[in-house]
Amino acid sequence: MRCLHDAFANSFEPLKTVFAKIIALCEPLSPVSLWENNIANIVTDLRRRYASVSEAVKLLERDHDAQKYAMHGVENARKEVNVRLTVEYFGFIKQMEGIEPLPQPSADPVKTVEQQRKEIELAIKSFNDGQKAVFNAIVGAILLGVTADNPFASVHEPKSMNLRESRSFFFDAPGGTGKTFVTSTIQSFLESRGRKVISTATSAVASSLLERGRTAHSVFKIPIPCEGESVCGISLESVLAAQLREAD
């Protein structure tokens, strides 16, 4: 439930995709109840993403039709997660009978460096004191002298000199306080400064809220089940090992 609320608030992953991952990977006790409790947000998210396509706006105008399109989107997203399980398996009914496909919105134009910088600046300016403290601690460990109040300050030290002794941070806060927003902003900021970032999360649903997010088990080859004597299956000479060494 929290992941659906976070995805709706931050507009990262389409809610139909998040919902499909939840029912396919997390096995909720009542998928139908979860759907009924979140259908209003899922439909709102769908309409928002097609707001620029006039034909789609008309097709999504009636709530009944919009819910059918939303469930069809869940079915398509579910196929990418688990091909074997259908929506009928979870107690739903396929919803494409009697409705025509939605026209797809055109691809978003590529943002210029200046546009990306302005978006990052606006995001950082909206930080509260706690969010600034997180930004300063994490980013400051990689780019010495850079703070939320002066994010684009010059960094004169060579890369090898920008590393402080501690670069492990535990960032925790109640749900809905902007953890995903801060994490995504930090990732975008570091990448805008030429740093390499690998986004991971402990679950597929959580990783879907991050830009290019992947599960920690996938990235670090953590065995399942993970025992006390388990080791990650990463070869020293593999491409993945090289990517991890290059990441900041």
Protein backbone atom coordinates (compact mmCIF):
# COMPACT_ATOMS: atom_id res chain seq x y z
CA MET A 1 0.00 0.00 0.00
CA ARG A 2 2.80 2.44 0.91
CA CYS A 3 4.61 1.78 -2.38
CA LEU A 4 1.46 2.66 -4.32
CA HIS A 5 1.09 5.90 -2.38
CA ASP A 6 4.77 6.79 -2.93
CA ALA A 7 4.58 6.05 -6.64
CA PHE A 8 1.43 8.19 -6.99
CA ALA A 9 2.99 11.10 -5.08
CA ASN A 10 6.28 11.08 -6.98
CA SER A 11 5.05 10.11 -10.49
CA PHE A 12 8.02 7.81 -11.18
CA GLU A 13 6.68 4.39 -12.15
CA PRO A 14 3.13 4.05 -13.54
CA LEU A 15 0.85 2.80 -10.78
CA LYS A 16 -0.46 -0.02 -12.98
CA THR A 17 3.11 -1.32 -13.21
CA VAL A 18 3.72 -1.00 -9.47
CA PHE A 19 0.44 -2.80 -8.79
CA ALA A 20 1.37 -5.62 -11.20
CA LYS A 21 4.72 -6.11 -9.44
CA ILE A 22 3.05 -6.17 -6.03
CA ILE A 23 0.53 -8.88 -6.90
CA ALA A 24 3.09 -10.95 -8.87
CA LEU A 25 6.00 -10.73 -6.44
CA CYS A 26 4.63 -9.89 -2.99
CA GLU A 27 1.55 -12.16 -2.88
CA PRO A 28 -0.85 -9.86 -0.99
CA LEU A 29 -3.61 -11.62 0.94
CA SER A 30 -6.36 -9.95 -1.08
CA PRO A 31 -5.28 -8.54 -4.49
CA VAL A 32 -8.89 -7.59 -5.25
CA SER A 33 -9.20 -5.52 -2.05
CA LEU A 34 -5.85 -3.88 -2.80
CA TRP A 35 -7.14 -3.00 -6.26
CA GLU A 36 -10.44 -1.63 -4.95
CA ASN A 37 -8.65 0.52 -2.34
CA ASN A 38 -6.30 2.03 -4.93
CA ILE A 39 -8.30 2.09 -8.16
CA ALA A 40 -9.03 5.83 -7.86
CA ASN A 41 -5.31 6.68 -7.73
CA ILE A 42 -4.46 4.18 -10.47
CA VAL A 43 -7.06 5.69 -12.81
CA THR A 44 -5.95 9.24 -11.94
CA ASP A 45 -2.35 8.28 -12.69
CA LEU A 46 -3.37 6.71 -16.02
CA ARG A 47 -5.33 9.79 -17.07
CA ARG A 48 -2.45 12.07 -16.07
CA ARG A 49 0.02 10.13 -18.21
CA TYR A 50 -2.28 10.35 -21.25
CA ALA A 51 -3.38 13.94 -20.68
CA SER A 52 -1.49 15.15 -23.78
CA VAL A 53 -3.30 12.70 -26.12
CA SER A 54 -6.77 14.07 -26.89
CA GLU A 55 -8.05 10.74 -28.28
CA ALA A 56 -6.97 8.94 -25.11
CA VAL A 57 -8.55 11.60 -22.89
CA LYS A 58 -11.92 10.85 -24.53
CA LEU A 59 -11.51 7.08 -24.14
CA LEU A 60 -10.63 7.49 -20.44
CA GLU A 61 -13.42 9.95 -19.68
CA ARG A 62 -15.85 7.40 -18.20
CA ASP A 63 -14.66 5.81 -14.94
CA HIS A 64 -15.86 2.35 -16.01
CA ASP A 65 -13.81 2.47 -19.23
CA ALA A 66 -10.79 3.97 -17.45
CA GLN A 67 -10.81 1.08 -14.97
CA LYS A 68 -10.86 -1.41 -17.86
CA TYR A 69 -7.83 0.26 -19.45
CA ALA A 70 -6.09 0.31 -16.07
CA MET A 71 -6.62 -3.43 -15.59
CA HIS A 72 -5.42 -4.08 -19.15
CA GLY A 73 -2.28 -2.12 -18.29
CA VAL A 74 -1.81 -4.27 -15.18
CA GLU A 75 -2.12 -7.41 -17.32
CA ASN A 76 0.56 -6.18 -19.76
CA ALA A 77 2.89 -5.13 -16.94
CA ARG A 78 2.31 -8.46 -15.19
CA LYS A 79 3.57 -10.33 -18.28
CA GLU A 80 6.94 -8.63 -17.89
CA VAL A 81 7.19 -9.80 -14.26
CA ASN A 82 5.72 -13.30 -14.41
CA VAL A 83 4.55 -14.80 -17.70
CA ARG A 84 2.82 -17.78 -16.08
CA LEU A 85 0.44 -15.94 -13.76
CA THR A 86 -2.57 -14.24 -15.34
CA VAL A 87 -4.83 -11.61 -13.79
CA GLU A 88 -7.54 -14.28 -13.54
CA TYR A 89 -5.26 -16.16 -11.16
CA PHE A 90 -5.52 -13.23 -8.72
CA GLY A 91 -9.32 -13.04 -8.97
CA PHE A 92 -9.61 -10.39 -11.70
CA ILE A 93 -11.35 -10.44 -15.06
CA LYS A 94 -9.61 -9.45 -18.29
CA GLN A 95 -10.89 -6.03 -19.29
CA MET A 96 -10.18 -5.51 -23.01
CA GLU A 97 -13.53 -6.74 -24.37
CA GLY A 98 -15.39 -4.01 -26.22
CA ILE A 99 -12.76 -1.26 -25.93
CA GLU A 100 -10.23 -0.03 -28.48
CA PRO A 101 -6.49 0.31 -27.73
CA LEU A 102 -5.29 3.59 -26.27
CA PRO A 103 -3.25 5.76 -28.64
CA GLN A 104 0.24 6.05 -27.22
CA PRO A 105 1.66 9.42 -26.15
CA SER A 106 4.67 10.64 -28.08
CA ALA A 107 8.07 10.11 -26.50
CA ASP A 108 9.21 12.84 -24.14
CA PRO A 109 11.72 15.20 -25.76
CA VAL A 110 15.29 14.82 -24.62
CA LYS A 111 16.02 17.39 -21.93
CA THR A 112 18.96 19.72 -22.35
CA VAL A 113 21.70 19.91 -19.75
CA GLU A 114 20.37 23.30 -18.70
CA GLN A 115 16.82 21.97 -18.27
CA GLN A 116 18.08 19.08 -16.16
CA ARG A 117 20.11 21.46 -14.02
CA LYS A 118 17.11 23.72 -13.41
CA GLU A 119 14.95 20.75 -12.38
CA ILE A 120 17.62 19.58 -9.94
CA GLU A 121 18.02 23.09 -8.52
CA LEU A 122 14.25 23.39 -7.96
CA ALA A 123 14.16 19.99 -6.25
CA ILE A 124 17.04 20.88 -3.92
CA LYS A 125 15.51 24.27 -3.09
CA SER A 126 12.34 22.48 -1.96
CA PHE A 127 14.25 20.40 0.61
CA ASN A 128 13.42 20.81 4.28
CA ASP A 129 16.20 20.90 6.89
CA GLY A 130 16.24 17.12 7.33
CA GLN A 131 16.42 16.49 3.60
CA LYS A 132 19.24 19.02 3.28
CA ALA A 133 21.17 17.21 6.00
CA VAL A 134 20.86 13.92 4.10
CA PHE A 135 21.96 15.57 0.85
CA ASN A 136 24.93 17.28 2.51
CA ALA A 137 26.14 14.09 4.19
CA ILE A 138 25.91 11.80 1.15
CA VAL A 139 26.89 14.21 -1.62
CA GLY A 140 29.53 15.86 0.57
CA ALA A 141 31.27 12.51 0.96
CA ILE A 142 31.76 12.36 -2.80
CA LEU A 143 32.05 16.03 -3.82
CA LEU A 144 33.91 17.92 -1.12
CA GLY A 145 32.54 21.38 -0.45
CA VAL A 146 29.21 20.80 -2.20
CA THR A 147 26.08 21.46 -0.12
CA ALA A 148 22.36 21.83 -0.69
CA ASP A 149 22.77 25.61 -0.31
CA ASN A 150 25.57 25.67 -2.91
CA PRO A 151 25.02 22.54 -5.02
CA PHE A 152 26.96 23.59 -8.08
CA ALA A 153 30.09 24.78 -6.32
CA SER A 154 33.36 24.01 -8.05
CA VAL A 155 35.22 20.93 -6.90
CA HIS A 156 38.92 21.43 -7.44
CA GLU A 157 40.30 18.25 -5.89
CA PRO A 158 41.02 15.34 -8.21
CA LYS A 159 38.54 12.47 -7.99
CA SER A 160 40.83 10.33 -5.82
CA MET A 161 40.95 13.12 -3.23
CA ASN A 162 37.17 13.52 -2.99
CA LEU A 163 36.67 10.35 -0.95
CA ARG A 164 36.20 10.65 2.79
CA GLU A 165 36.79 7.82 5.20
CA SER A 166 33.09 6.94 5.67
CA ARG A 167 30.80 6.52 2.67
CA SER A 168 28.11 4.30 4.20
CA PHE A 169 24.93 6.01 5.39
CA PHE A 170 21.70 4.73 6.94
CA PHE A 171 18.83 6.94 5.76
CA ASP A 172 15.54 6.23 7.53
CA ALA A 173 12.29 8.15 7.97
CA PRO A 174 8.54 7.47 8.26
CA GLY A 175 6.57 6.68 5.12
CA GLY A 176 5.52 9.67 3.05
CA THR A 177 8.30 12.01 4.22
CA GLY A 178 10.14 12.10 0.89
CA LYS A 179 12.84 9.41 1.08
CA THR A 180 12.35 8.45 -2.58
CA PHE A 181 12.31 12.10 -3.63
CA VAL A 182 15.60 12.84 -1.86
CA THR A 183 17.24 9.64 -3.12
CA SER A 184 16.21 10.32 -6.72
CA THR A 185 17.37 13.94 -6.50
CA ILE A 186 20.77 12.87 -5.15
CA GLN A 187 21.10 10.34 -7.97
CA SER A 188 20.21 12.90 -10.65
CA PHE A 189 22.53 15.48 -9.10
CA LEU A 190 25.54 13.15 -8.91
CA GLU A 191 25.00 12.00 -12.48
CA SER A 192 24.79 15.63 -13.61
CA ARG A 193 28.25 16.08 -12.08
CA GLY A 194 29.64 13.16 -14.03
CA ARG A 195 29.46 10.58 -11.23
CA LYS A 196 28.35 7.00 -11.78
CA VAL A 197 25.43 5.77 -9.67
CA ILE A 198 23.90 2.30 -9.34
CA SER A 199 20.41 2.36 -7.80
CA THR A 200 19.35 -0.68 -5.81
CA ALA A 201 16.62 -1.58 -3.34
CA THR A 202 15.79 -4.64 -1.28
CA SER A 203 12.59 -5.44 -3.19
CA ALA A 204 11.33 -5.25 -6.77
CA VAL A 205 8.54 -2.88 -5.78
CA ALA A 206 10.89 -0.48 -3.99
CA SER A 207 13.39 -0.58 -6.86
CA SER A 208 10.62 0.35 -9.32
CA LEU A 209 10.38 3.76 -7.64
CA LEU A 210 14.02 4.59 -8.47
CA GLU A 211 15.46 5.71 -11.79
CA ARG A 212 16.92 2.58 -13.40
CA GLY A 213 16.41 0.87 -10.05
CA ARG A 214 17.21 -2.83 -9.62
CA THR A 215 17.03 -5.20 -6.69
CA ALA A 216 20.15 -5.61 -4.56
CA HIS A 217 19.95 -9.38 -5.09
CA SER A 218 20.12 -8.86 -8.85
CA VAL A 219 22.96 -6.31 -8.86
CA PHE A 220 25.17 -7.87 -6.22
CA LYS A 221 24.29 -11.48 -7.07
CA ILE A 222 23.17 -12.17 -3.50
CA PRO A 223 22.19 -15.85 -3.21
CA ILE A 224 18.68 -16.87 -2.17
CA PRO A 225 18.39 -18.08 0.49
CA CYS A 226 21.23 -16.07 1.97
CA GLU A 227 23.01 -17.93 4.74
CA GLY A 228 25.73 -16.79 7.13
CA GLU A 229 28.43 -18.33 4.94
CA SER A 230 26.97 -17.19 1.60
CA VAL A 231 29.04 -15.08 -0.79
CA CYS A 232 27.99 -12.92 -3.73
CA GLY A 233 28.60 -14.59 -7.09
CA ILE A 234 30.51 -11.80 -8.83
CA SER A 235 33.58 -12.68 -10.84
CA LEU A 236 36.50 -10.26 -10.44
CA GLU A 237 36.94 -10.10 -14.20
CA SER A 238 33.26 -9.67 -15.07
CA VAL A 239 31.63 -6.59 -16.59
CA LEU A 240 29.54 -6.24 -13.43
CA ALA A 241 32.67 -6.13 -11.25
CA ALA A 242 34.10 -3.38 -13.44
CA GLN A 243 30.85 -1.39 -13.19
CA LEU A 244 30.82 -1.69 -9.41
CA ARG A 245 34.45 -0.53 -9.18
CA GLU A 246 33.70 2.48 -11.36
CA ALA A 247 30.60 3.52 -9.42
CA ASP A 248 30.94 6.42 -6.98
